[in-house]
Protein backbone atom coordinates (compact mmCIF):
# COMPACT_ATOMS: atom_id res chain seq x y z
CA MET A 1 6.93 24.62 -1.07
CA THR A 2 10.10 22.65 -1.47
CA HIS A 3 10.71 19.44 0.40
CA LEU A 4 13.82 17.39 0.49
CA ILE A 5 13.51 13.58 -0.14
CA LEU A 6 16.49 11.52 1.07
CA GLU A 7 17.18 7.77 0.60
CA VAL A 8 18.03 6.53 4.11
CA ASP A 9 18.93 3.25 5.76
CA GLY A 10 15.90 1.52 7.20
CA LEU A 11 17.74 0.13 10.18
CA ASP A 12 19.39 3.47 11.04
CA HIS A 13 15.97 5.21 10.82
CA HIS A 14 13.81 2.35 12.25
CA GLU A 15 12.35 4.31 15.21
CA LEU A 16 11.05 7.12 12.84
CA LEU A 17 9.92 4.74 10.19
CA HIS A 18 8.05 2.63 12.91
CA TYR A 19 6.56 5.80 14.23
CA MET A 20 5.28 7.11 10.84
CA ASN A 21 4.08 3.73 9.69
CA GLY A 22 1.90 3.67 12.84
CA PHE A 23 -0.18 6.71 11.53
CA GLU A 24 -2.08 4.38 9.28
CA PRO A 25 -2.29 1.14 11.28
CA GLU A 26 -5.36 -0.04 9.25
CA ARG A 27 -3.47 0.17 6.00
CA PHE A 28 0.09 -0.53 7.16
CA PRO A 29 0.87 -3.61 9.33
CA PRO A 30 3.80 -3.20 11.64
CA LEU A 31 7.18 -3.28 10.04
CA THR A 32 9.64 -6.04 10.73
CA SER A 33 13.51 -5.98 10.99
CA ALA A 34 13.58 -7.79 7.58
CA HIS A 35 11.53 -5.13 5.95
CA LEU A 36 13.83 -2.37 7.24
CA ALA A 37 16.99 -4.44 6.43
CA HIS A 38 16.18 -5.58 2.85
CA GLY A 39 14.19 -2.63 1.61
CA LEU A 40 15.23 0.63 0.28
CA TRP A 41 13.68 3.60 2.19
CA TRP A 42 13.11 7.27 1.50
CA LEU A 43 12.10 10.14 3.91
CA ALA A 44 10.56 13.35 2.93
CA VAL A 45 11.58 16.19 5.22
CA ASP A 46 10.39 19.78 5.59
CA ASP A 47 12.56 22.05 7.79
CA ASN A 48 14.26 18.93 9.41
CA VAL A 49 10.87 17.27 10.18
CA ALA A 50 9.87 14.13 8.53
CA ILE A 51 6.62 14.46 6.60
CA GLY A 52 6.49 11.34 4.59
CA PHE A 53 8.15 8.06 3.83
CA ALA A 54 8.32 5.46 1.03
CA ALA A 55 9.86 1.95 0.50
CA LEU A 56 10.86 -0.31 -2.25
CA VAL A 57 11.76 -3.98 -1.84
CA PRO A 58 12.53 -6.96 -4.03
CA PHE A 59 9.24 -8.76 -4.62
CA PHE A 60 10.47 -12.40 -4.73
CA GLY A 61 14.15 -12.05 -4.08
CA PRO A 62 17.01 -9.69 -4.77
CA ASN A 63 17.97 -11.12 -8.07
CA ASP A 64 14.59 -11.62 -9.68
CA GLY A 65 14.21 -8.11 -11.26
CA VAL A 66 10.82 -7.42 -9.83
CA GLY A 67 10.34 -4.74 -7.25
CA TYR A 68 7.47 -3.87 -4.87
CA LEU A 69 6.44 -0.29 -4.01
CA LYS A 70 5.96 -1.37 -0.39
CA ARG A 71 4.82 1.67 1.45
CA ALA A 72 4.25 5.35 0.93
CA TYR A 73 2.81 7.77 3.38
CA VAL A 74 2.62 11.58 3.51
CA LEU A 75 1.31 13.56 6.37
CA PRO A 76 -2.18 14.87 5.53
CA GLN A 77 -1.24 18.57 5.59
CA TYR A 78 1.50 17.99 2.93
CA ARG A 79 -0.70 15.97 0.54
CA GLY A 80 -1.68 17.34 -2.91
CA GLN A 81 1.95 18.80 -3.36
CA GLY A 82 3.30 16.07 -5.82
CA MET A 83 5.18 14.14 -3.05
CA GLN A 84 3.70 10.74 -3.89
CA ALA A 85 4.67 11.33 -7.53
CA SER A 86 8.22 12.10 -6.48
CA PHE A 87 8.40 8.97 -4.31
CA VAL A 88 7.30 6.78 -7.32
CA ARG A 89 9.66 8.47 -9.55
CA LEU A 90 12.62 8.09 -7.17
CA ARG A 91 11.81 4.39 -6.68
CA GLU A 92 11.53 3.79 -10.32
CA GLU A 93 14.96 5.37 -10.83
CA ARG A 94 16.46 3.22 -8.15
CA ALA A 95 14.84 0.09 -9.45
CA ARG A 96 16.32 0.78 -12.85
CA SER A 97 19.83 1.25 -11.34
CA LEU A 98 19.38 -2.22 -9.81
CA GLY A 99 18.53 -3.63 -13.23
CA TRP A 100 15.02 -4.42 -12.20
CA HIS A 101 12.48 -4.66 -15.14
CA LEU A 102 9.09 -4.74 -13.34
CA LEU A 103 7.48 -2.85 -10.46
CA VAL A 104 4.25 -4.02 -8.82
CA THR A 105 2.13 -2.66 -5.90
CA GLU A 106 -1.33 -2.42 -4.66
CA CYS A 107 -3.61 0.00 -2.81
CA ALA A 108 -6.81 -0.14 -1.06
CA GLY A 109 -9.83 0.27 -3.39
CA ASP A 110 -11.02 3.37 -1.60
CA ASN A 111 -7.56 5.03 -1.99
CA LEU A 112 -8.36 6.92 -5.21
CA ALA A 113 -5.55 9.51 -4.88
CA SER A 114 -2.90 6.76 -4.84
CA ALA A 115 -4.61 4.87 -7.67
CA LYS A 116 -4.63 8.07 -9.75
CA ASN A 117 -1.00 8.80 -9.03
CA LEU A 118 -0.02 5.38 -10.11
CA LEU A 119 -2.13 5.46 -13.34
CA ARG A 120 -0.46 8.91 -14.14
CA ALA A 121 2.86 7.48 -13.64
CA GLY A 122 2.23 4.82 -16.21
CA TYR A 123 1.14 1.84 -14.13
CA GLU A 124 -1.61 -0.41 -15.41
CA THR A 125 -4.02 -2.28 -13.32
CA PHE A 126 -3.88 -6.18 -13.44
CA THR A 127 -5.03 -9.26 -11.58
CA PRO A 128 -2.11 -11.34 -10.23
CA ASP A 129 -2.26 -14.98 -10.24
CA GLN A 130 -1.92 -14.96 -6.45
CA LEU A 131 -3.47 -12.05 -4.52
CA TRP A 132 -1.37 -10.57 -1.66
CA GLY A 133 -3.36 -7.39 -0.63
CA GLU A 134 -6.45 -6.78 1.19
CA GLN A 135 -9.74 -8.07 -0.23
CA ASP A 136 -10.56 -4.71 -1.96
CA SER A 137 -7.03 -4.08 -3.23
CA VAL A 138 -6.30 -2.72 -6.65
CA TYR A 139 -3.05 -4.09 -8.19
CA PHE A 140 -0.66 -2.22 -10.45
CA ARG A 141 2.39 -2.98 -12.44
CA LYS A 142 4.91 -1.09 -14.71
CA ARG A 143 7.54 -2.45 -16.90
CA LEU A 144 10.73 -0.37 -16.76
């Protein structure tokens, strides 16, 4: 099955992104206007229906060269088809085009599928000086 992944403007698609973000409220806090305005967003669509989304934001500021893989979600019935790997690859390409040199992210300790995707994509686990995720988060980074 082929899906289309489009880079979209977060503010233009705020209603859909808020809606999809709400599918995992225990993992994803509500999005703010700042998230939507300062992030780069992608939507995966199948037959004109949104089936997933992902985001990339500057980790510290727009000129520090470090990006954060902020969010990624795929509807359960579409999982296992490589969409997360595509989201990671597209965000890496975009980060490189911006001149960024490092990407970081974290996922819940029980989210083995995401952890495996990140490891397959060349990310390594690390312990940041200042933790930002949930108590059981596993942290990842990749130099570009």
